[in-house]
Amino acid sequence: MKTGYRVCDAMTREPITVEPETNICDCAKVMKKKHVGGLLVTKGKKLLGIITEQDIVRKAVAPNLDCSKVPVKRLMAKNLITIGPEADIYDALIRMRDNNIRHLPIVDGGNIIGLLTLKDILKIQPELFDLLVEKFEIREEEHKPVKARNTVCEICGAFSDKLYKVNGMMICAECRSKL
């Protein structure tokens, strides 16, 4: 199914980027200030990786790392899924769905030129929401509570005997209700 909309029609043209030596605390502060869920890690126009809120929670906060001393290059995802600017929005959404990602870097000639998020796509093609719903229906099993003994919520750190697996994270009912 082709939509007639190209990735370059919906992408964020000036995505928020950080240098590889930026520490995780500073990355989190940038995300909060700019209201974004992920940052591209670049050196000039070359894309090196991506760091998301989930990465920070799973790889830094949950293991109790000192975020002020950990450079983003240590935790960023390096094997990135990317797409070109002329690709159809539908193809981008399928790529995102199949790879379970919410941030898709747009690369042209080896250089980063933009970032596409689910929000960007839904702004111009709301009918594609059905594709996302299909993915969530398949993953519905993940949202059932998992019995666990003395397990910690990966978001708030609270102990709970009843956690939910959401997007690969074990979280308590209270944090789940906030998603």
N, C-alpha and C. Protein backbone atom coordinates (compact mmCIF):
# COMPACT_ATOMS: atom_id res chain seq x y z
N MET A 1 0.85 -1.18 0.00
CA MET A 1 0.00 0.00 0.00
C MET A 1 0.89 1.24 0.00
N LYS A 2 0.79 2.02 -1.02
CA LYS A 2 1.56 3.26 -1.10
C LYS A 2 0.63 4.41 -0.73
N THR A 3 1.17 5.39 0.00
CA THR A 3 0.35 6.52 0.46
C THR A 3 0.49 7.74 -0.44
N GLY A 4 1.60 7.83 -1.17
CA GLY A 4 1.85 9.03 -1.94
C GLY A 4 2.62 10.08 -1.15
N TYR A 5 2.78 9.84 0.14
CA TYR A 5 3.58 10.73 0.98
C TYR A 5 4.97 10.14 1.12
N ARG A 6 5.97 10.98 0.97
CA ARG A 6 7.35 10.53 1.13
C ARG A 6 7.82 10.81 2.56
N VAL A 7 8.82 10.09 2.97
CA VAL A 7 9.41 10.29 4.29
C VAL A 7 9.80 11.75 4.49
N CYS A 8 10.38 12.36 3.46
CA CYS A 8 10.82 13.75 3.58
C CYS A 8 9.66 14.72 3.78
N ASP A 9 8.42 14.30 3.49
CA ASP A 9 7.25 15.14 3.71
C ASP A 9 6.88 15.21 5.18
N ALA A 10 7.28 14.23 5.96
CA ALA A 10 6.84 14.15 7.36
C ALA A 10 7.98 14.26 8.37
N MET A 11 9.20 14.02 7.94
CA MET A 11 10.32 13.94 8.89
C MET A 11 10.61 15.28 9.56
N THR A 12 11.23 15.18 10.72
CA THR A 12 11.77 16.35 11.40
C THR A 12 13.09 16.66 10.72
N ARG A 13 13.20 17.84 10.16
CA ARG A 13 14.38 18.18 9.35
C ARG A 13 15.60 18.56 10.17
N GLU A 14 15.42 19.00 11.36
CA GLU A 14 16.55 19.35 12.22
C GLU A 14 16.42 18.59 13.54
N PRO A 15 16.69 17.28 13.50
CA PRO A 15 16.55 16.49 14.72
C PRO A 15 17.55 16.93 15.78
N ILE A 16 17.20 16.67 17.02
CA ILE A 16 18.07 17.02 18.13
C ILE A 16 19.21 16.00 18.17
N THR A 17 20.43 16.50 18.20
CA THR A 17 21.61 15.62 18.20
C THR A 17 22.51 15.92 19.38
N VAL A 18 23.32 14.94 19.72
CA VAL A 18 24.35 15.11 20.76
C VAL A 18 25.64 14.48 20.26
N GLU A 19 26.73 14.91 20.85
CA GLU A 19 28.05 14.34 20.53
C GLU A 19 28.23 13.03 21.31
N PRO A 20 29.08 12.13 20.84
CA PRO A 20 29.26 10.84 21.50
C PRO A 20 29.79 10.92 22.93
N GLU A 21 30.47 11.99 23.28
CA GLU A 21 31.02 12.14 24.63
C GLU A 21 30.03 12.74 25.63
N THR A 22 28.85 13.17 25.16
CA THR A 22 27.84 13.75 26.05
C THR A 22 27.43 12.71 27.08
N ASN A 23 27.35 13.12 28.35
CA ASN A 23 26.97 12.14 29.37
C ASN A 23 25.46 11.93 29.37
N ILE A 24 25.05 10.81 29.95
CA ILE A 24 23.65 10.39 29.94
C ILE A 24 22.75 11.40 30.66
N CYS A 25 23.21 11.98 31.76
CA CYS A 25 22.42 13.00 32.47
C CYS A 25 22.10 14.17 31.55
N ASP A 26 23.10 14.62 30.82
CA ASP A 26 22.88 15.74 29.91
C ASP A 26 21.93 15.35 28.77
N CYS A 27 22.02 14.12 28.32
CA CYS A 27 21.09 13.64 27.28
C CYS A 27 19.65 13.69 27.80
N ALA A 28 19.45 13.21 29.02
CA ALA A 28 18.11 13.22 29.62
C ALA A 28 17.59 14.65 29.76
N LYS A 29 18.47 15.56 30.14
CA LYS A 29 18.07 16.97 30.28
C LYS A 29 17.67 17.57 28.93
N VAL A 30 18.42 17.23 27.88
CA VAL A 30 18.09 17.72 26.54
C VAL A 30 16.73 17.16 26.11
N MET A 31 16.50 15.86 26.35
CA MET A 31 15.22 15.25 25.98
C MET A 31 14.06 15.96 26.68
N LYS A 32 14.24 16.23 27.96
CA LYS A 32 13.18 16.90 28.72
C LYS A 32 12.95 18.31 28.18
N LYS A 33 14.01 19.05 27.99
CA LYS A 33 13.91 20.44 27.54
C LYS A 33 13.28 20.54 26.15
N LYS A 34 13.66 19.63 25.26
CA LYS A 34 13.19 19.68 23.87
C LYS A 34 11.92 18.85 23.64
N HIS A 35 11.45 18.15 24.69
CA HIS A 35 10.23 17.33 24.60
C HIS A 35 10.35 16.26 23.53
N VAL A 36 11.46 15.53 23.55
CA VAL A 36 11.67 14.45 22.59
C VAL A 36 11.98 13.16 23.34
N GLY A 37 11.72 12.03 22.69
CA GLY A 37 11.96 10.74 23.30
C GLY A 37 13.24 10.07 22.85
N GLY A 38 13.99 10.73 21.98
CA GLY A 38 15.23 10.15 21.50
C GLY A 38 16.14 11.21 20.91
N LEU A 39 17.43 10.92 20.96
CA LEU A 39 18.44 11.83 20.42
C LEU A 39 19.34 11.07 19.46
N LEU A 40 19.68 11.71 18.37
CA LEU A 40 20.65 11.12 17.46
C LEU A 40 22.05 11.48 17.95
N VAL A 41 22.93 10.51 17.91
CA VAL A 41 24.32 10.74 18.29
C VAL A 41 25.10 10.89 16.99
N THR A 42 25.71 12.06 16.82
CA THR A 42 26.38 12.37 15.56
C THR A 42 27.77 12.95 15.78
N LYS A 43 28.55 12.86 14.76
CA LYS A 43 29.84 13.54 14.66
C LYS A 43 29.76 14.28 13.34
N GLY A 44 29.54 15.58 13.40
CA GLY A 44 29.26 16.33 12.18
C GLY A 44 27.93 15.89 11.62
N LYS A 45 27.90 15.49 10.35
CA LYS A 45 26.67 15.00 9.72
C LYS A 45 26.60 13.47 9.72
N LYS A 46 27.61 12.83 10.29
CA LYS A 46 27.65 11.36 10.31
C LYS A 46 26.89 10.83 11.51
N LEU A 47 25.95 9.95 11.25
CA LEU A 47 25.15 9.32 12.29
C LEU A 47 25.93 8.17 12.91
N LEU A 48 26.12 8.23 14.22
CA LEU A 48 26.84 7.18 14.94
C LEU A 48 25.91 6.26 15.71
N GLY A 49 24.79 6.80 16.20
CA GLY A 49 23.88 6.00 17.01
C GLY A 49 22.66 6.79 17.41
N ILE A 50 21.86 6.17 18.27
CA ILE A 50 20.66 6.81 18.81
C ILE A 50 20.51 6.38 20.26
N ILE A 51 20.01 7.29 21.07
CA ILE A 51 19.71 6.99 22.48
C ILE A 51 18.27 7.40 22.72
N THR A 52 17.49 6.53 23.36
CA THR A 52 16.09 6.82 23.64
C THR A 52 15.84 6.82 25.14
N GLU A 53 14.66 7.29 25.52
CA GLU A 53 14.28 7.26 26.94
C GLU A 53 14.36 5.84 27.48
N GLN A 54 13.88 4.89 26.70
CA GLN A 54 13.91 3.49 27.14
C GLN A 54 15.34 3.02 27.36
N ASP A 55 16.24 3.41 26.48
CA ASP A 55 17.65 3.03 26.64
C ASP A 55 18.19 3.56 27.96
N ILE A 56 17.87 4.80 28.27
CA ILE A 56 18.38 5.42 29.50
C ILE A 56 17.83 4.69 30.72
N VAL A 57 16.53 4.38 30.70
CA VAL A 57 15.93 3.67 31.84
C VAL A 57 16.54 2.28 31.99
N ARG A 58 16.60 1.53 30.90
CA ARG A 58 17.07 0.14 30.96
C ARG A 58 18.58 0.01 31.19
N LYS A 59 19.35 0.84 30.51
CA LYS A 59 20.80 0.66 30.50
C LYS A 59 21.55 1.52 31.51
N ALA A 60 20.89 2.56 32.05
CA ALA A 60 21.60 3.45 32.98
C ALA A 60 20.90 3.55 34.33
N VAL A 61 19.62 3.88 34.33
CA VAL A 61 18.90 4.10 35.60
C VAL A 61 18.69 2.79 36.35
N ALA A 62 18.11 1.78 35.69
CA ALA A 62 17.83 0.51 36.36
C ALA A 62 19.10 -0.15 36.92
N PRO A 63 20.21 -0.16 36.20
CA PRO A 63 21.43 -0.74 36.77
C PRO A 63 22.20 0.19 37.71
N ASN A 64 21.61 1.35 38.01
CA ASN A 64 22.22 2.30 38.96
C ASN A 64 23.57 2.84 38.52
N LEU A 65 23.73 3.14 37.25
CA LEU A 65 24.97 3.74 36.77
C LEU A 65 25.00 5.22 37.16
N ASP A 66 26.17 5.77 37.31
CA ASP A 66 26.31 7.21 37.56
C ASP A 66 26.20 7.90 36.20
N CYS A 67 25.00 8.36 35.90
CA CYS A 67 24.70 8.92 34.57
C CYS A 67 25.56 10.12 34.21
N SER A 68 26.08 10.80 35.21
CA SER A 68 26.90 11.98 34.93
C SER A 68 28.30 11.59 34.45
N LYS A 69 28.64 10.30 34.59
CA LYS A 69 29.98 9.85 34.20
C LYS A 69 29.96 8.89 33.01
N VAL A 70 28.77 8.57 32.52
CA VAL A 70 28.66 7.60 31.43
C VAL A 70 28.40 8.34 30.12
N PRO A 71 29.33 8.24 29.15
CA PRO A 71 29.11 8.91 27.86
C PRO A 71 28.05 8.16 27.04
N VAL A 72 27.29 8.89 26.27
CA VAL A 72 26.22 8.30 25.48
C VAL A 72 26.75 7.24 24.51
N LYS A 73 27.97 7.39 24.05
CA LYS A 73 28.52 6.41 23.10
C LYS A 73 28.58 5.01 23.70
N ARG A 74 28.59 4.92 25.03
CA ARG A 74 28.64 3.61 25.69
C ARG A 74 27.29 2.90 25.67
N LEU A 75 26.20 3.65 25.66
CA LEU A 75 24.87 3.04 25.76
C LEU A 75 24.03 3.14 24.50
N MET A 76 24.45 3.96 23.55
CA MET A 76 23.62 4.19 22.35
C MET A 76 23.48 2.92 21.52
N ALA A 77 22.38 2.84 20.79
CA ALA A 77 22.19 1.77 19.81
C ALA A 77 23.04 2.14 18.60
N LYS A 78 23.84 1.18 18.12
CA LYS A 78 24.77 1.47 17.03
C LYS A 78 24.35 0.84 15.70
N ASN A 79 23.70 -0.30 15.75
CA ASN A 79 23.27 -0.96 14.51
C ASN A 79 21.89 -0.42 14.15
N LEU A 80 21.90 0.71 13.48
CA LEU A 80 20.66 1.44 13.26
C LEU A 80 19.90 1.00 12.02
N ILE A 81 18.59 1.05 12.16
CA ILE A 81 17.69 0.89 11.03
C ILE A 81 17.48 2.30 10.50
N THR A 82 17.70 2.52 9.21
CA THR A 82 17.51 3.85 8.61
C THR A 82 16.67 3.72 7.35
N ILE A 83 16.32 4.84 6.79
CA ILE A 83 15.57 4.85 5.53
C ILE A 83 15.95 6.12 4.78
N GLY A 84 15.74 6.11 3.47
CA GLY A 84 16.04 7.28 2.65
C GLY A 84 14.86 8.24 2.60
N PRO A 85 15.10 9.48 2.22
CA PRO A 85 14.06 10.51 2.24
C PRO A 85 12.96 10.32 1.20
N GLU A 86 13.22 9.57 0.14
CA GLU A 86 12.23 9.40 -0.92
C GLU A 86 11.32 8.19 -0.70
N ALA A 87 11.58 7.41 0.33
CA ALA A 87 10.75 6.23 0.61
C ALA A 87 9.33 6.66 0.98
N ASP A 88 8.38 5.79 0.70
CA ASP A 88 6.98 6.06 1.05
C ASP A 88 6.80 5.93 2.57
N ILE A 89 5.93 6.76 3.11
CA ILE A 89 5.63 6.74 4.55
C ILE A 89 5.20 5.35 5.00
N TYR A 90 4.42 4.67 4.18
CA TYR A 90 3.96 3.33 4.52
C TYR A 90 5.14 2.39 4.74
N ASP A 91 6.12 2.45 3.85
CA ASP A 91 7.30 1.60 3.98
C ASP A 91 8.07 1.92 5.26
N ALA A 92 8.13 3.20 5.59
CA ALA A 92 8.81 3.60 6.83
C ALA A 92 8.08 3.05 8.04
N LEU A 93 6.75 3.13 8.02
CA LEU A 93 5.97 2.64 9.15
C LEU A 93 6.11 1.13 9.30
N ILE A 94 6.10 0.42 8.20
CA ILE A 94 6.29 -1.04 8.25
C ILE A 94 7.67 -1.36 8.82
N ARG A 95 8.69 -0.63 8.40
CA ARG A 95 10.04 -0.85 8.91
C ARG A 95 10.07 -0.60 10.43
N MET A 96 9.42 0.46 10.85
CA MET A 96 9.38 0.78 12.29
C MET A 96 8.62 -0.31 13.05
N ARG A 97 7.49 -0.71 12.52
CA ARG A 97 6.68 -1.73 13.18
C ARG A 97 7.44 -3.05 13.28
N ASP A 98 8.01 -3.48 12.18
CA ASP A 98 8.69 -4.77 12.15
C ASP A 98 9.94 -4.80 13.02
N ASN A 99 10.56 -3.66 13.24
CA ASN A 99 11.77 -3.59 14.06
C ASN A 99 11.50 -3.05 15.46
N ASN A 100 10.22 -2.82 15.76
CA ASN A 100 9.80 -2.35 17.08
C ASN A 100 10.56 -1.10 17.51
N ILE A 101 10.60 -0.11 16.61
CA ILE A 101 11.27 1.15 16.91
C ILE A 101 10.30 2.31 16.71
N ARG A 102 10.55 3.40 17.41
CA ARG A 102 9.70 4.59 17.31
C ARG A 102 10.42 5.77 16.68
N HIS A 103 11.72 5.63 16.45
CA HIS A 103 12.54 6.70 15.88
C HIS A 103 13.31 6.12 14.70
N LEU A 104 13.11 6.70 13.52
CA LEU A 104 13.75 6.19 12.31
C LEU A 104 14.60 7.29 11.68
N PRO A 105 15.93 7.18 11.79
CA PRO A 105 16.81 8.19 11.18
C PRO A 105 16.70 8.17 9.66
N ILE A 106 16.73 9.36 9.07
CA ILE A 106 16.66 9.51 7.62
C ILE A 106 18.06 9.86 7.13
N VAL A 107 18.60 9.00 6.27
CA VAL A 107 19.98 9.16 5.80
C VAL A 107 19.97 9.29 4.28
N ASP A 108 20.78 10.23 3.80
CA ASP A 108 20.93 10.44 2.36
C ASP A 108 22.41 10.62 2.06
N GLY A 109 22.95 9.77 1.22
CA GLY A 109 24.37 9.86 0.88
C GLY A 109 25.28 9.67 2.09
N GLY A 110 24.84 8.87 3.04
CA GLY A 110 25.65 8.61 4.24
C GLY A 110 25.53 9.68 5.31
N ASN A 111 24.79 10.74 5.05
CA ASN A 111 24.62 11.82 6.03
C ASN A 111 23.22 11.83 6.61
N ILE A 112 23.13 12.19 7.88
CA ILE A 112 21.84 12.29 8.55
C ILE A 112 21.15 13.58 8.07
N ILE A 113 19.91 13.44 7.61
CA ILE A 113 19.19 14.64 7.16
C ILE A 113 17.87 14.84 7.91
N GLY A 114 17.49 13.86 8.73
CA GLY A 114 16.24 14.02 9.46
C GLY A 114 15.95 12.83 10.35
N LEU A 115 14.81 12.91 11.01
CA LEU A 115 14.35 11.85 11.90
C LEU A 115 12.84 11.73 11.73
N LEU A 116 12.37 10.51 11.64
CA LEU A 116 10.94 10.26 11.51
C LEU A 116 10.46 9.52 12.75
N THR A 117 9.39 10.01 13.36
CA THR A 117 8.80 9.35 14.52
C THR A 117 7.38 8.94 14.18
N LEU A 118 6.80 8.09 15.02
CA LEU A 118 5.41 7.68 14.81
C LEU A 118 4.50 8.90 14.83
N LYS A 119 4.78 9.83 15.70
CA LYS A 119 3.98 11.05 15.80
C LYS A 119 4.02 11.83 14.48
N ASP A 120 5.20 11.91 13.86
CA ASP A 120 5.34 12.59 12.57
C ASP A 120 4.45 11.95 11.51
N ILE A 121 4.45 10.62 11.49
CA ILE A 121 3.67 9.89 10.49
C ILE A 121 2.18 10.11 10.72
N LEU A 122 1.75 9.98 11.96
CA LEU A 122 0.32 10.08 12.25
C LEU A 122 -0.22 11.49 12.04
N LYS A 123 0.65 12.49 12.08
CA LYS A 123 0.21 13.86 11.80
C LYS A 123 -0.26 14.01 10.36
N ILE A 124 0.42 13.33 9.43
CA ILE A 124 0.04 13.50 8.03
C ILE A 124 -0.77 12.33 7.47
N GLN A 125 -0.71 11.18 8.12
CA GLN A 125 -1.44 10.00 7.65
C GLN A 125 -2.11 9.29 8.82
N PRO A 126 -3.12 9.89 9.45
CA PRO A 126 -3.74 9.26 10.63
C PRO A 126 -4.35 7.89 10.35
N GLU A 127 -4.74 7.63 9.09
CA GLU A 127 -5.33 6.33 8.79
C GLU A 127 -4.33 5.19 8.93
N LEU A 128 -3.05 5.50 8.96
CA LEU A 128 -2.04 4.46 9.16
C LEU A 128 -2.01 3.97 10.60
N PHE A 129 -2.79 4.61 11.45
CA PHE A 129 -2.88 4.19 12.85
C PHE A 129 -3.28 2.72 12.96
N ASP A 130 -4.10 2.24 12.02
CA ASP A 130 -4.54 0.85 12.04
C ASP A 130 -3.36 -0.12 12.00
N LEU A 131 -2.30 0.23 11.30
CA LEU A 131 -1.11 -0.63 11.26
C LEU A 131 -0.47 -0.74 12.64
N LEU A 132 -0.50 0.35 13.39
CA LEU A 132 0.06 0.33 14.73
C LEU A 132 -0.81 -0.50 15.66
N VAL A 133 -2.13 -0.35 15.52
CA VAL A 133 -3.06 -1.10 16.35
C VAL A 133 -2.85 -2.59 16.13
N GLU A 134 -2.66 -2.98 14.88
CA GLU A 134 -2.41 -4.38 14.55
C GLU A 134 -1.20 -4.90 15.32
N LYS A 135 -0.15 -4.13 15.39
CA LYS A 135 1.07 -4.53 16.10
C LYS A 135 0.78 -4.68 17.59
N PHE A 136 0.01 -3.74 18.15
CA PHE A 136 -0.28 -3.79 19.58
C PHE A 136 -1.20 -4.95 19.92
N GLU A 137 -2.11 -5.31 19.02
CA GLU A 137 -2.98 -6.46 19.28
C GLU A 137 -2.14 -7.73 19.35
N ILE A 138 -1.15 -7.84 18.50
CA ILE A 138 -0.26 -8.99 18.51
C ILE A 138 0.52 -9.04 19.82
N ARG A 139 0.91 -7.87 20.32
CA ARG A 139 1.72 -7.80 21.53
C ARG A 139 0.88 -7.70 22.80
N GLU A 140 -0.45 -7.85 22.68
CA GLU A 140 -1.33 -7.69 23.83
C GLU A 140 -0.93 -8.60 24.98
N GLU A 141 -0.44 -9.78 24.68
CA GLU A 141 -0.02 -10.71 25.71
C GLU A 141 1.01 -10.09 26.65
N GLU A 142 1.83 -9.20 26.13
CA GLU A 142 2.85 -8.56 26.96
C GLU A 142 2.25 -7.71 28.06
N HIS A 143 1.01 -7.26 27.90
CA HIS A 143 0.42 -6.34 28.86
C HIS A 143 -0.30 -7.04 30.01
N LYS A 144 -0.27 -8.36 30.02
CA LYS A 144 -0.86 -9.10 31.13
C LYS A 144 0.15 -9.12 32.27
N PRO A 145 -0.36 -9.10 33.52
CA PRO A 145 0.57 -9.07 34.65
C PRO A 145 1.41 -10.35 34.71
N VAL A 146 2.63 -10.18 35.15
CA VAL A 146 3.56 -11.29 35.31
C VAL A 146 3.81 -11.45 36.80
N LYS A 147 3.64 -12.68 37.30
CA LYS A 147 3.90 -12.89 38.73
C LYS A 147 5.40 -12.86 38.95
N ALA A 148 5.79 -12.06 39.90
CA ALA A 148 7.20 -11.91 40.21
C ALA A 148 7.33 -11.71 41.71
N ARG A 149 8.43 -12.14 42.26
CA ARG A 149 8.66 -11.99 43.68
C ARG A 149 9.74 -10.94 43.92
N ASN A 150 9.39 -9.91 44.69
CA ASN A 150 10.34 -8.86 45.03
C ASN A 150 11.05 -8.30 43.80
N THR A 151 10.27 -7.94 42.82
CA THR A 151 10.83 -7.38 41.60
C THR A 151 10.62 -5.88 41.58
N VAL A 152 11.53 -5.17 40.93
CA VAL A 152 11.52 -3.71 40.92
C VAL A 152 10.98 -3.20 39.59
N CYS A 153 10.10 -2.21 39.67
CA CYS A 153 9.61 -1.53 38.48
C CYS A 153 10.78 -0.82 37.81
N GLU A 154 10.93 -1.01 36.51
CA GLU A 154 12.06 -0.42 35.79
C GLU A 154 11.90 1.08 35.55
N ILE A 155 10.75 1.64 35.86
CA ILE A 155 10.56 3.07 35.68
C ILE A 155 10.70 3.81 37.00
N CYS A 156 9.91 3.42 38.01
CA CYS A 156 9.91 4.18 39.26
C CYS A 156 10.79 3.56 40.35
N GLY A 157 11.18 2.30 40.17
CA GLY A 157 12.04 1.66 41.16
C GLY A 157 11.30 1.03 42.33
N ALA A 158 9.96 1.05 42.32
CA ALA A 158 9.17 0.49 43.43
C ALA A 158 9.18 -1.03 43.35
N PHE A 159 9.19 -1.67 44.54
CA PHE A 159 9.07 -3.12 44.60
C PHE A 159 7.62 -3.51 44.37
N SER A 160 7.40 -4.61 43.66
CA SER A 160 6.03 -5.05 43.39
C SER A 160 6.04 -6.54 43.11
N ASP A 161 4.95 -7.22 43.52
CA ASP A 161 4.77 -8.63 43.20
C ASP A 161 4.03 -8.80 41.88
N LYS A 162 3.51 -7.70 41.35
CA LYS A 162 2.72 -7.75 40.13
C LYS A 162 3.26 -6.69 39.16
N LEU A 163 4.00 -7.15 38.16
CA LEU A 163 4.56 -6.24 37.16
C LEU A 163 3.99 -6.58 35.79
N TYR A 164 4.01 -5.62 34.90
CA TYR A 164 3.54 -5.78 33.54
C TYR A 164 4.73 -5.62 32.60
N LYS A 165 4.78 -6.47 31.58
CA LYS A 165 5.83 -6.33 30.59
C LYS A 165 5.30 -5.43 29.48
N VAL A 166 5.86 -4.23 29.36
CA VAL A 166 5.43 -3.25 28.36
C VAL A 166 6.66 -2.77 27.62
N ASN A 167 6.66 -2.97 26.30
CA ASN A 167 7.80 -2.58 25.47
C ASN A 167 9.11 -3.16 26.00
N GLY A 168 9.04 -4.39 26.49
CA GLY A 168 10.25 -5.06 26.97
C GLY A 168 10.68 -4.68 28.37
N MET A 169 9.94 -3.79 29.02
CA MET A 169 10.29 -3.37 30.39
C MET A 169 9.28 -3.95 31.37
N MET A 170 9.74 -4.28 32.56
CA MET A 170 8.87 -4.73 33.64
C MET A 170 8.48 -3.51 34.45
N ILE A 171 7.16 -3.18 34.45
CA ILE A 171 6.73 -1.97 35.15
C ILE A 171 5.51 -2.25 36.02
N CYS A 172 5.34 -1.42 37.06
CA CYS A 172 4.22 -1.57 37.98
C CYS A 172 2.94 -1.01 37.36
N ALA A 173 1.81 -1.31 38.00
CA ALA A 173 0.51 -0.87 37.48
C ALA A 173 0.42 0.65 37.42
N GLU A 174 0.97 1.33 38.41
CA GLU A 174 0.89 2.80 38.44
C GLU A 174 1.64 3.41 37.25
N CYS A 175 2.85 2.93 36.99
CA CYS A 175 3.62 3.46 35.86
C CYS A 175 2.95 3.08 34.54
N ARG A 176 2.37 1.88 34.49
CA ARG A 176 1.67 1.44 33.28
C ARG A 176 0.50 2.36 32.97
N SER A 177 -0.21 2.81 34.00
CA SER A 177 -1.37 3.68 33.78
C SER A 177 -0.96 5.06 33.27
N LYS A 178 0.30 5.43 33.48
CA LYS A 178 0.78 6.74 33.04
C LYS A 178 1.27 6.73 31.59
N LEU A 179 1.43 5.53 31.02
CA LEU A 179 1.93 5.43 29.64
C LEU A 179 0.86 5.78 28.63
